[in-house]
PDB file of N, CA and C in Angstrom:
ATOM      1  N   MET A   1     -12.673  41.265-102.146  1.00  0.00           N
ATOM      2  CA  MET A   1     -11.958  40.037-101.625  1.00  0.00           C
ATOM      3  C   MET A   1     -12.558  39.602-100.834  1.00  0.00           C
ATOM      4  N   GLU A   2     -13.792  39.514 -99.825  1.00  0.00           N
ATOM      5  CA  GLU A   2     -14.169  38.886 -98.630  1.00  0.00           C
ATOM      6  C   GLU A   2     -15.173  37.927 -99.686  1.00  0.00           C
ATOM      7  N   GLU A   3     -16.188  38.685-100.999  1.00  0.00           N
ATOM      8  CA  GLU A   3     -16.981  37.582-101.540  1.00  0.00           C
ATOM      9  C   GLU A   3     -15.885  36.505-102.274  1.00  0.00           C
ATOM     10  N   LEU A   4     -15.212  36.466-102.663  1.00  0.00           N
ATOM     11  CA  LEU A   4     -13.914  35.642-103.057  1.00  0.00           C
ATOM     12  C   LEU A   4     -14.200  34.821-102.073  1.00  0.00           C
ATOM     13  N   GLU A   5     -13.679  35.019-100.558  1.00  0.00           N
ATOM     14  CA  GLU A   5     -13.388  34.324 -99.252  1.00  0.00           C
ATOM     15  C   GLU A   5     -14.584  33.674 -99.450  1.00  0.00           C
ATOM     16  N   THR A   6     -16.330  33.951 -99.339  1.00  0.00           N
ATOM     17  CA  THR A   6     -16.956  33.345 -99.211  1.00  0.00           C
ATOM     18  C   THR A   6     -17.647  32.440-100.292  1.00  0.00           C
ATOM     19  N   ILE A   7     -16.794  32.553-101.633  1.00  0.00           N
ATOM     20  CA  ILE A   7     -17.172  31.872-102.632  1.00  0.00           C
ATOM     21  C   ILE A   7     -16.407  30.440-102.454  1.00  0.00           C
ATOM     22  N   ILE A   8     -14.802  30.546-101.850  1.00  0.00           N
ATOM     23  CA  ILE A   8     -14.336  29.400-101.760  1.00  0.00           C
ATOM     24  C   ILE A   8     -14.826  28.885-100.577  1.00  0.00           C
ATOM     25  N   MET A   9     -15.277  29.548 -99.335  1.00  0.00           N
ATOM     26  CA  MET A   9     -15.651  28.620 -98.422  1.00  0.00           C
ATOM     27  C   MET A   9     -17.055  28.129 -98.918  1.00  0.00           C
ATOM     28  N   GLU A  10     -17.863  28.281 -99.438  1.00  0.00           N
ATOM     29  CA  GLU A  10     -19.207  27.524-100.176  1.00  0.00           C
ATOM     30  C   GLU A  10     -18.399  26.551-100.756  1.00  0.00           C
ATOM     31  N   LEU A  11     -16.851  26.405-101.208  1.00  0.00           N
ATOM     32  CA  LEU A  11     -16.706  25.256-102.358  1.00  0.00           C
ATOM     33  C   LEU A  11     -16.246  24.502-100.747  1.00  0.00           C
ATOM     34  N   LEU A  12     -15.614  24.907 -99.927  1.00  0.00           N
ATOM     35  CA  LEU A  12     -15.159  24.084 -99.031  1.00  0.00           C
ATOM     36  C   LEU A  12     -16.377  22.950 -98.017  1.00  0.00           C
ATOM     37  N   VAL A  13     -16.984  23.646 -97.962  1.00  0.00           N
ATOM     38  CA  VAL A  13     -18.409  23.671 -97.363  1.00  0.00           C
ATOM     39  C   VAL A  13     -19.110  22.520 -97.986  1.00  0.00           C
ATOM     40  N   ASN A  14     -19.355  22.581 -99.431  1.00  0.00           N
ATOM     41  CA  ASN A  14     -19.972  21.450-100.375  1.00  0.00           C
ATOM     42  C   ASN A  14     -19.099  20.060-100.572  1.00  0.00           C
ATOM     43  N   ALA A  15     -17.576  20.280-100.708  1.00  0.00           N
ATOM     44  CA  ALA A  15     -16.792  19.384-100.776  1.00  0.00           C
ATOM     45  C   ALA A  15     -16.620  18.342 -99.351  1.00  0.00           C
ATOM     46  N   GLY A  16     -17.003  19.551 -98.506  1.00  0.00           N
ATOM     47  CA  GLY A  16     -16.795  18.214 -97.030  1.00  0.00           C
ATOM     48  C   GLY A  16     -17.835  17.785 -96.823  1.00  0.00           C
ATOM     49  N   ALA A  17     -18.907  18.688 -97.446  1.00  0.00           N
ATOM     50  CA  ALA A  17     -20.391  17.706 -97.118  1.00  0.00           C
ATOM     51  C   ALA A  17     -20.230  16.178 -98.103  1.00  0.00           C
ATOM     52  N   ALA A  18     -19.934  16.362 -99.242  1.00  0.00           N
ATOM     53  CA  ALA A  18     -19.609  15.666-100.060  1.00  0.00           C
ATOM     54  C   ALA A  18     -18.904  14.147 -99.761  1.00  0.00           C
ATOM     55  N   ARG A  19     -17.943  14.574 -99.279  1.00  0.00           N
ATOM     56  CA  ARG A  19     -17.124  13.615 -98.851  1.00  0.00           C
ATOM     57  C   ARG A  19     -17.896  13.105 -97.228  1.00  0.00           C
ATOM     58  N   SER A  20     -17.958  13.593 -96.327  1.00  0.00           N
ATOM     59  CA  SER A  20     -18.987  13.131 -94.848  1.00  0.00           C
ATOM     60  C   SER A  20     -20.221  11.796 -95.943  1.00  0.00           C
ATOM     61  N   GLN A  21     -20.956  12.442 -96.331  1.00  0.00           N
ATOM     62  CA  GLN A  21     -21.794  11.773 -96.851  1.00  0.00           C
ATOM     63  C   GLN A  21     -21.619  10.270 -97.805  1.00  0.00           C
ATOM     64  N   ALA A  22     -20.447  10.015 -98.678  1.00  0.00           N
ATOM     65  CA  ALA A  22     -19.835   9.159 -99.088  1.00  0.00           C
ATOM     66  C   ALA A  22     -19.702   8.286 -98.178  1.00  0.00           C
ATOM     67  N   LEU A  23     -18.660   8.716 -96.946  1.00  0.00           N
ATOM     68  CA  LEU A  23     -18.204   8.032 -96.036  1.00  0.00           C
ATOM     69  C   LEU A  23     -19.704   7.382 -95.220  1.00  0.00           C
ATOM     70  N   THR A  24     -20.799   8.161 -95.242  1.00  0.00           N
ATOM     71  CA  THR A  24     -21.720   8.064 -94.489  1.00  0.00           C
ATOM     72  C   THR A  24     -22.743   6.714 -95.363  1.00  0.00           C
ATOM     73  N   ALA A  25     -22.272   6.548 -96.639  1.00  0.00           N
ATOM     74  CA  ALA A  25     -22.637   5.373 -97.454  1.00  0.00           C
ATOM     75  C   ALA A  25     -21.995   4.274 -97.322  1.00  0.00           C
ATOM     76  N   LEU A  26     -20.776   4.240 -96.964  1.00  0.00           N
ATOM     77  CA  LEU A  26     -20.053   3.026 -96.550  1.00  0.00           C
ATOM     78  C   LEU A  26     -20.630   2.759 -95.379  1.00  0.00           C
ATOM     79  N   GLN A  27     -20.735   3.666 -94.355  1.00  0.00           N
ATOM     80  CA  GLN A  27     -21.147   2.879 -93.117  1.00  0.00           C
ATOM     81  C   GLN A  27     -22.447   2.108 -93.151  1.00  0.00           C
ATOM     82  N   LEU A  28     -23.223   2.605 -94.276  1.00  0.00           N
ATOM     83  CA  LEU A  28     -24.795   2.466 -94.110  1.00  0.00           C
ATOM     84  C   LEU A  28     -24.618   0.593 -95.196  1.00  0.00           C
ATOM     85  N   ALA A  29     -23.928   0.638 -96.011  1.00  0.00           N
ATOM     86  CA  ALA A  29     -23.594  -0.549 -96.990  1.00  0.00           C
ATOM     87  C   ALA A  29     -23.074  -1.191 -96.197  1.00  0.00           C
ATOM     88  N   ARG A  30     -22.201  -0.681 -95.257  1.00  0.00           N
ATOM     89  CA  ARG A  30     -21.337  -2.203 -94.182  1.00  0.00           C
ATOM     90  C   ARG A  30     -22.402  -2.704 -93.174  1.00  0.00           C
ATOM     91  N   LYS A  31     -23.416  -1.827 -93.210  1.00  0.00           N
ATOM     92  CA  LYS A  31     -24.468  -2.619 -92.345  1.00  0.00           C
ATOM     93  C   LYS A  31     -25.811  -3.410 -93.033  1.00  0.00           C
ATOM     94  N   GLY A  32     -25.567  -3.163 -94.208  1.00  0.00           N
ATOM     95  CA  GLY A  32     -26.497  -4.162 -95.421  1.00  0.00           C
ATOM     96  C   GLY A  32     -27.780  -2.927 -95.417  1.00  0.00           C
ATOM     97  N   ASP A  33     -27.838  -1.490 -95.321  1.00  0.00           N
ATOM     98  CA  ASP A  33     -28.674  -0.750 -96.065  1.00  0.00           C
ATOM     99  C   ASP A  33     -28.351   0.045 -96.879  1.00  0.00           C
ATOM    100  N   PHE A  34     -28.903  -0.879 -97.971  1.00  0.00           N
ATOM    101  CA  PHE A  34     -28.317  -0.369 -99.289  1.00  0.00           C
ATOM    102  C   PHE A  34     -29.345   1.153-100.269  1.00  0.00           C
ATOM    103  N   PRO A  35     -30.670   0.640 -99.408  1.00  0.00           N
ATOM    104  CA  PRO A  35     -30.920   2.354-100.107  1.00  0.00           C
ATOM    105  C   PRO A  35     -30.755   3.285 -99.311  1.00  0.00           C
ATOM    106  N   GLY A  36     -30.374   2.885 -98.187  1.00  0.00           N
ATOM    107  CA  GLY A  36     -29.514   4.641 -97.664  1.00  0.00           C
ATOM    108  C   GLY A  36     -28.172   4.634 -97.921  1.00  0.00           C
ATOM    109  N   ALA A  37     -27.620   3.810 -98.722  1.00  0.00           N
ATOM    110  CA  ALA A  37     -26.266   3.916 -99.134  1.00  0.00           C
ATOM    111  C   ALA A  37     -26.741   4.646-100.127  1.00  0.00           C
ATOM    112  N   GLU A  38     -27.460   4.299-100.699  1.00  0.00           N
ATOM    113  CA  GLU A  38     -27.460   4.627-102.201  1.00  0.00           C
ATOM    114  C   GLU A  38     -27.997   6.260-101.886  1.00  0.00           C
ATOM    115  N   GLN A  39     -28.818   6.353-101.189  1.00  0.00           N
ATOM    116  CA  GLN A  39     -29.495   8.210-100.722  1.00  0.00           C
ATOM    117  C   GLN A  39     -28.369   8.605-100.238  1.00  0.00           C
ATOM    118  N   ALA A  40     -27.229   8.286 -99.435  1.00  0.00           N
ATOM    119  CA  ALA A  40     -26.103   8.932 -99.279  1.00  0.00           C
ATOM    120  C   ALA A  40     -25.375   9.052-100.063  1.00  0.00           C
ATOM    121  N   MET A  41     -25.011   8.349-100.989  1.00  0.00           N
ATOM    122  CA  MET A  41     -24.124   8.784-102.489  1.00  0.00           C
ATOM    123  C   MET A  41     -24.948   9.572-103.313  1.00  0.00           C
ATOM    124  N   THR A  42     -25.850   9.174-103.283  1.00  0.00           N
ATOM    125  CA  THR A  42     -26.986  10.605-104.243  1.00  0.00           C
ATOM    126  C   THR A  42     -26.664  12.289-103.694  1.00  0.00           C
ATOM    127  N   GLU A  43     -26.480  11.986-102.447  1.00  0.00           N
ATOM    128  CA  GLU A  43     -26.730  13.277-101.776  1.00  0.00           C
ATOM    129  C   GLU A  43     -24.981  13.613-101.847  1.00  0.00           C
ATOM    130  N   SER A  44     -24.002  12.935-101.312  1.00  0.00           N
ATOM    131  CA  SER A  44     -22.497  13.065-102.246  1.00  0.00           C
ATOM    132  C   SER A  44     -22.665  13.859-103.570  1.00  0.00           C
ATOM    133  N   ARG A  45     -23.419  12.665-104.244  1.00  0.00           N
ATOM    134  CA  ARG A  45     -22.871  13.671-105.910  1.00  0.00           C
ATOM    135  C   ARG A  45     -23.464  15.035-106.033  1.00  0.00           C
ATOM    136  N   GLU A  46     -24.610  15.045-105.520  1.00  0.00           N
ATOM    137  CA  GLU A  46     -25.058  16.548-105.582  1.00  0.00           C
ATOM    138  C   GLU A  46     -24.267  17.549-104.741  1.00  0.00           C
ATOM    139  N   TYR A  47     -23.577  17.265-103.390  1.00  0.00           N
ATOM    140  CA  TYR A  47     -22.772  18.606-102.484  1.00  0.00           C
ATOM    141  C   TYR A  47     -21.433  18.732-103.894  1.00  0.00           C
ATOM    142  N   VAL A  48     -20.899  17.306-104.532  1.00  0.00           N
ATOM    143  CA  VAL A  48     -20.112  17.483-105.561  1.00  0.00           C
ATOM    144  C   VAL A  48     -20.208  18.563-106.659  1.00  0.00           C
ATOM    145  N   LYS A  49     -21.975  18.245-107.110  1.00  0.00           N
ATOM    146  CA  LYS A  49     -22.109  18.824-108.234  1.00  0.00           C
ATOM    147  C   LYS A  49     -21.959  20.550-107.970  1.00  0.00           C
ATOM    148  N   GLN A  50     -22.374  20.618-106.385  1.00  0.00           N
ATOM    149  CA  GLN A  50     -22.474  22.280-106.448  1.00  0.00           C
ATOM    150  C   GLN A  50     -21.324  22.971-106.348  1.00  0.00           C
ATOM    151  N   ALA A  51     -20.528  22.281-105.490  1.00  0.00           N
ATOM    152  CA  ALA A  51     -18.523  22.160-105.315  1.00  0.00           C
ATOM    153  C   ALA A  51     -18.378  22.412-106.781  1.00  0.00           C
ATOM    154  N   HIS A  52     -18.809  21.338-107.853  1.00  0.00           N
ATOM    155  CA  HIS A  52     -18.054  22.029-109.516  1.00  0.00           C
ATOM    156  C   HIS A  52     -18.598  23.329-109.688  1.00  0.00           C
ATOM    157  N   LYS A  53     -19.643  23.304-109.792  1.00  0.00           N
ATOM    158  CA  LYS A  53     -20.228  24.916-109.736  1.00  0.00           C
ATOM    159  C   LYS A  53     -19.655  26.235-109.523  1.00  0.00           C
ATOM    160  N   ILE A  54     -18.874  26.095-108.309  1.00  0.00           N
ATOM    161  CA  ILE A  54     -18.438  27.018-107.296  1.00  0.00           C
ATOM    162  C   ILE A  54     -17.093  27.255-107.705  1.00  0.00           C
ATOM    163  N   GLN A  55     -16.256  26.013-108.094  1.00  0.00           N
ATOM    164  CA  GLN A  55     -15.053  25.778-109.165  1.00  0.00           C
ATOM    165  C   GLN A  55     -14.842  26.582-110.152  1.00  0.00           C
ATOM    166  N   THR A  56     -15.845  25.845-111.333  1.00  0.00           N
ATOM    167  CA  THR A  56     -16.447  26.968-112.208  1.00  0.00           C
ATOM    168  C   THR A  56     -16.410  28.361-112.225  1.00  0.00           C
ATOM    169  N   GLN A  57     -16.771  28.638-111.278  1.00  0.00           N
ATOM    170  CA  GLN A  57     -17.202  30.421-111.078  1.00  0.00           C
ATOM    171  C   GLN A  57     -15.765  30.879-110.727  1.00  0.00           C
ATOM    172  N   LEU A  58     -15.203  29.907-109.821  1.00  0.00           N
ATOM    173  CA  LEU A  58     -13.938  30.734-109.611  1.00  0.00           C
ATOM    174  C   LEU A  58     -12.868  31.139-110.940  1.00  0.00           C
ATOM    175  N   ILE A  59     -12.791  29.523-111.843  1.00  0.00           N
ATOM    176  CA  ILE A  59     -11.844  29.809-113.098  1.00  0.00           C
ATOM    177  C   ILE A  59     -12.708  30.663-113.623  1.00  0.00           C
ATOM    178  N   SER A  60     -13.437  31.113-114.124  1.00  0.00           N
ATOM    179  CA  SER A  60     -14.128  32.045-114.797  1.00  0.00           C
ATOM    180  C   SER A  60     -13.970  34.016-114.426  1.00  0.00           C
ATOM    181  N   ILE A  61     -13.887  33.387-112.975  1.00  0.00           N
ATOM    182  CA  ILE A  61     -12.984  35.155-112.106  1.00  0.00           C
ATOM    183  C   ILE A  61     -11.601  35.104-112.672  1.00  0.00           C
ATOM    184  N   ASP A  62     -11.249  33.896-112.370  1.00  0.00           N
ATOM    185  CA  ASP A  62      -9.597  33.897-112.712  1.00  0.00           C
ATOM    186  C   ASP A  62      -8.942  34.487-114.360  1.00  0.00           C
ATOM    187  N   GLU A  63     -10.030  33.416-115.086  1.00  0.00           N
ATOM    188  CA  GLU A  63      -9.735  33.779-116.481  1.00  0.00           C
ATOM    189  C   GLU A  63      -8.228  33.346-117.194  1.00  0.00           C
ATOM    190  N   GLY A  64      -7.891  32.518-116.033  1.00  0.00           N
ATOM    191  CA  GLY A  64      -6.563  31.934-116.504  1.00  0.00           C
ATOM    192  C   GLY A  64      -5.284  32.764-116.703  1.00  0.00           C
ATOM    193  N   THR A  65      -5.779  34.255-116.159  1.00  0.00           N
ATOM    194  CA  THR A  65      -4.126  35.139-115.879  1.00  0.00           C
ATOM    195  C   THR A  65      -4.257  35.637-114.463  1.00  0.00           C
ATOM    196  N   GLY A  66      -4.157  34.370-113.731  1.00  0.00           N
ATOM    197  CA  GLY A  66      -3.763  35.124-112.279  1.00  0.00           C
ATOM    198  C   GLY A  66      -4.351  35.843-111.589  1.00  0.00           C
ATOM    199  N   LYS A  67      -5.751  36.431-111.878  1.00  0.00           N
ATOM    200  CA  LYS A  67      -6.641  37.158-111.118  1.00  0.00           C
ATOM    201  C   LYS A  67      -6.870  37.111-109.799  1.00  0.00           C
ATOM    202  N   LEU A  68      -7.242  35.286-109.568  1.00  0.00           N
ATOM    203  CA  LEU A  68      -7.514  35.158-108.736  1.00  0.00           C
ATOM    204  C   LEU A  68      -6.347  34.584-107.696  1.00  0.00           C
ATOM    205  N   PRO A  69      -6.440  35.324-106.321  1.00  0.00           N
ATOM    206  CA  PRO A  69      -5.131  34.925-105.471  1.00  0.00           C
ATOM    207  C   PRO A  69      -5.041  33.404-105.135  1.00  0.00           C
ATOM    208  N   VAL A  70      -3.758  32.701-104.919  1.00  0.00           N
ATOM    209  CA  VAL A  70      -4.202  31.415-104.223  1.00  0.00           C
ATOM    210  C   VAL A  70      -3.190  31.710-103.234  1.00  0.00           C
ATOM    211  N   ASN A  71      -3.741  31.124-102.247  1.00  0.00           N
ATOM    212  CA  ASN A  71      -3.680  31.329-101.129  1.00  0.00           C
ATOM    213  C   ASN A  71      -4.303  29.751 -99.826  1.00  0.00           C
ATOM    214  N   LEU A  72      -3.951  29.790 -98.796  1.00  0.00           N
ATOM    215  CA  LEU A  72      -4.158  28.561 -98.556  1.00  0.00           C
ATOM    216  C   LEU A  72      -5.375  27.968 -98.475  1.00  0.00           C
ATOM    217  N   ILE A  73      -6.140  28.889 -98.078  1.00  0.00           N
ATOM    218  CA  ILE A  73      -7.993  28.423 -98.236  1.00  0.00           C
ATOM    219  C   ILE A  73      -8.190  27.877 -99.517  1.00  0.00           C
ATOM    220  N   THR A  74      -7.709  28.532-100.498  1.00  0.00           N
ATOM    221  CA  THR A  74      -8.117  28.269-101.957  1.00  0.00           C
ATOM    222  C   THR A  74      -7.323  26.914-102.227  1.00  0.00           C
ATOM    223  N   VAL A  75      -6.364  26.557-101.694  1.00  0.00           N
ATOM    224  CA  VAL A  75      -5.635  24.815-102.053  1.00  0.00           C
ATOM    225  C   VAL A  75      -6.545  23.772-101.595  1.00  0.00           C
ATOM    226  N   HIS A  76      -6.972  24.584 -99.843  1.00  0.00           N
ATOM    227  CA  HIS A  76      -7.581  23.996 -99.214  1.00  0.00           C
ATOM    228  C   HIS A  76      -8.904  23.257 -99.647  1.00  0.00           C
ATOM    229  N   SER A  77      -9.386  24.024-100.031  1.00  0.00           N
ATOM    230  CA  SER A  77     -10.482  23.543-100.574  1.00  0.00           C
ATOM    231  C   SER A  77     -10.778  23.138-101.989  1.00  0.00           C
ATOM    232  N   GLN A  78      -9.760  23.432-102.637  1.00  0.00           N
ATOM    233  CA  GLN A  78      -9.701  22.236-104.130  1.00  0.00           C
ATOM    234  C   GLN A  78      -9.278  20.935-103.713  1.00  0.00           C
ATOM    235  N   ASP A  79      -7.704  20.703-102.694  1.00  0.00           N
ATOM    236  CA  ASP A  79      -7.758  19.731-101.950  1.00  0.00           C
ATOM    237  C   ASP A  79      -9.163  18.711-101.558  1.00  0.00           C
ATOM    238  N   HIS A  80      -9.869  19.181-100.757  1.00  0.00           N
ATOM    239  CA  HIS A  80     -11.106  18.606-100.291  1.00  0.00           C
ATOM    240  C   HIS A  80     -11.966  18.251-101.236  1.00  0.00           C
ATOM    241  N   LEU A  81     -12.251  19.369-102.227  1.00  0.00           N
ATOM    242  CA  LEU A  81     -12.991  18.602-103.571  1.00  0.00           C
ATOM    243  C   LEU A  81     -12.394  17.109-103.971  1.00  0.00           C
ATOM    244  N   MET A  82     -10.943  17.680-104.201  1.00  0.00           N
ATOM    245  CA  MET A  82     -10.381  16.218-104.872  1.00  0.00           C
ATOM    246  C   MET A  82     -10.472  14.874-104.610  1.00  0.00           C
ATOM    247  N   ASN A  83     -10.037  15.326-102.487  1.00  0.00           N
ATOM    248  CA  ASN A  83     -10.446  14.532-102.384  1.00  0.00           C
ATOM    249  C   ASN A  83     -11.624  13.416-101.910  1.00  0.00           C
ATOM    250  N   ALA A  84     -12.722  14.279-101.862  1.00  0.00           N
ATOM    251  CA  ALA A  84     -14.578  14.017-102.010  1.00  0.00           C
ATOM    252  C   ALA A  84     -14.457  13.037-103.390  1.00  0.00           C
ATOM    253  N   MET A  85     -14.297  13.475-104.376  1.00  0.00           N
ATOM    254  CA  MET A  85     -14.529  12.575-105.359  1.00  0.00           C
ATOM    255  C   MET A  85     -13.778  11.372-105.425  1.00  0.00           C
ATOM    256  N   VAL A  86     -12.538  11.614-105.142  1.00  0.00           N
ATOM    257  CA  VAL A  86     -11.708  10.051-104.945  1.00  0.00           C
ATOM    258  C   VAL A  86     -12.122   9.036-103.840  1.00  0.00           C
ATOM    259  N   ILE A  87     -13.117   9.780-102.601  1.00  0.00           N
ATOM    260  CA  ILE A  87     -13.557   8.860-101.968  1.00  0.00           C
ATOM    261  C   ILE A  87     -14.985   8.252-102.342  1.00  0.00           C
ATOM    262  N   GLN A  88     -15.976   8.886-102.924  1.00  0.00           N
ATOM    263  CA  GLN A  88     -16.943   8.577-103.731  1.00  0.00           C
ATOM    264  C   GLN A  88     -16.529   7.656-104.596  1.00  0.00           C
ATOM    265  N   ASP A  89     -15.845   7.585-105.904  1.00  0.00           N
ATOM    266  CA  ASP A  89     -15.463   6.794-106.387  1.00  0.00           C
ATOM    267  C   ASP A  89     -15.171   5.193-105.539  1.00  0.00           C
ATOM    268  N   LEU A  90     -13.836   5.415-104.824  1.00  0.00           N
ATOM    269  CA  LEU A  90     -13.645   4.166-104.028  1.00  0.00           C
ATOM    270  C   LEU A  90     -14.957   3.740-103.076  1.00  0.00           C
ATOM    271  N   ALA A  91     -15.859   4.543-102.831  1.00  0.00           N
ATOM    272  CA  ALA A  91     -17.081   4.337-101.689  1.00  0.00           C
ATOM    273  C   ALA A  91     -18.155   3.418-102.798  1.00  0.00           C
ATOM    274  N   GLY A  92     -18.307   3.968-104.069  1.00  0.00           N
ATOM    275  CA  GLY A  92     -19.457   3.089-105.304  1.00  0.00           C
ATOM    276  C   GLY A  92     -18.991   1.503-105.492  1.00  0.00           C
ATOM    277  N   ASP A  93     -17.275   1.641-105.238  1.00  0.00           N
ATOM    278  CA  ASP A  93     -16.777   0.349-105.630  1.00  0.00           C
ATOM    279  C   ASP A  93     -16.885  -0.632-104.267  1.00  0.00           C
ATOM    280  N   MET A  94     -16.413  -0.162-102.668  1.00  0.00           N
ATOM    281  CA  MET A  94     -16.692  -0.530-101.854  1.00  0.00           C
ATOM    282  C   MET A  94     -18.281  -1.307-101.650  1.00  0.00           C
ATOM    283  N   ILE A  95     -18.934  -0.515-101.876  1.00  0.00           N
ATOM    284  CA  ILE A  95     -20.784  -0.942-101.677  1.00  0.00           C
ATOM    285  C   ILE A  95     -20.912  -2.055-102.616  1.00  0.00           C
ATOM    286  N   GLU A  96     -20.167  -1.868-103.772  1.00  0.00           N
ATOM    287  CA  GLU A  96     -20.980  -3.469-104.698  1.00  0.00           C
ATOM    288  C   GLU A  96     -19.848  -4.291-103.864  1.00  0.00           C
ATOM    289  N   LEU A  97     -19.265  -4.481-103.627  1.00  0.00           N
ATOM    290  CA  LEU A  97     -18.536  -5.355-102.931  1.00  0.00           C
ATOM    291  C   LEU A  97     -19.011  -5.717-101.697  1.00  0.00           C
ATOM    292  N   TYR A  98     -20.094  -4.583-100.360  1.00  0.00           N
ATOM    293  CA  TYR A  98     -20.329  -5.303 -99.701  1.00  0.00           C
ATOM    294  C   TYR A  98     -22.045  -5.574-100.231  1.00  0.00           C
ATOM    295  N   ARG A  99     -22.458  -5.572-101.264  1.00  0.00           N
ATOM    296  CA  ARG A  99     -23.768  -5.963-101.748  1.00  0.00           C
ATOM    297  C   ARG A  99     -23.313  -7.537-102.291  1.00  0.00           C
ATOM    298  N   ARG A 100     -22.149  -8.063-102.595  1.00  0.00           N
ATOM    299  CA  ARG A 100     -21.869  -8.965-102.980  1.00  0.00           C
ATOM    300  C   ARG A 100     -21.384 -10.523-101.802  1.00  0.00           C
ATOM    301  N   LEU A 101     -21.615  -9.240-100.698  1.00  0.00           N
ATOM    302  CA  LEU A 101     -21.401 -10.078 -99.268  1.00  0.00           C
ATOM    303  C   LEU A 101     -22.191 -10.889 -98.718  1.00  0.00           C
ATOM    304  N   PRO A 102     -22.137 -12.277 -97.856  1.00  0.00           N
ATOM    305  CA  PRO A 102     -23.576 -12.662 -97.628  1.00  0.00           C
ATOM    306  C   PRO A 102     -24.035 -11.838 -96.362  1.00  0.00           C
ATOM    307  N   PRO A 103     -24.986 -11.308 -95.664  1.00  0.00           N
ATOM    308  CA  PRO A 103     -25.878 -10.688 -94.719  1.00  0.00           C
ATOM    309  C   PRO A 103     -24.735 -11.106 -93.574  1.00  0.00           C
ATOM    310  N   VAL A 104     -24.904  -9.854 -92.929  1.00  0.00           N
ATOM    311  CA  VAL A 104     -24.036  -9.640 -91.441  1.00  0.00           C
ATOM    312  C   VAL A 104     -25.095 -10.300 -90.598  1.00  0.00           C
ATOM    313  N   ASN A 105     -25.448 -11.097 -89.807  1.00  0.00           N
ATOM    314  CA  ASN A 105     -26.358 -11.127 -88.441  1.00  0.00           C
ATOM    315  C   ASN A 105     -26.003 -10.886 -87.480  1.00  0.00           C
TER     316      ASN A 105
END
């Protein structure tokens, strides 16, 4: 059970880092630092990729049979991942909008 909690915490950490990097990308784009914004988005996508690997690992443990206990931290980690992915999508669109705006001096 302790190993399972560690895996779930890894999912939570990676999802949280993905969210943070996507928000950092937005801040950088707002300042006109588009190379920095792209780098932050690349890092955000890498964190989501790692989180997906962990999520797949959890799904394989469960095998659709309810072997994986559903507790608050499991739900919280899934919520973090979903939010990170939504923020990534929105950040990508907003960064493109910032590119189209005239530079702020």
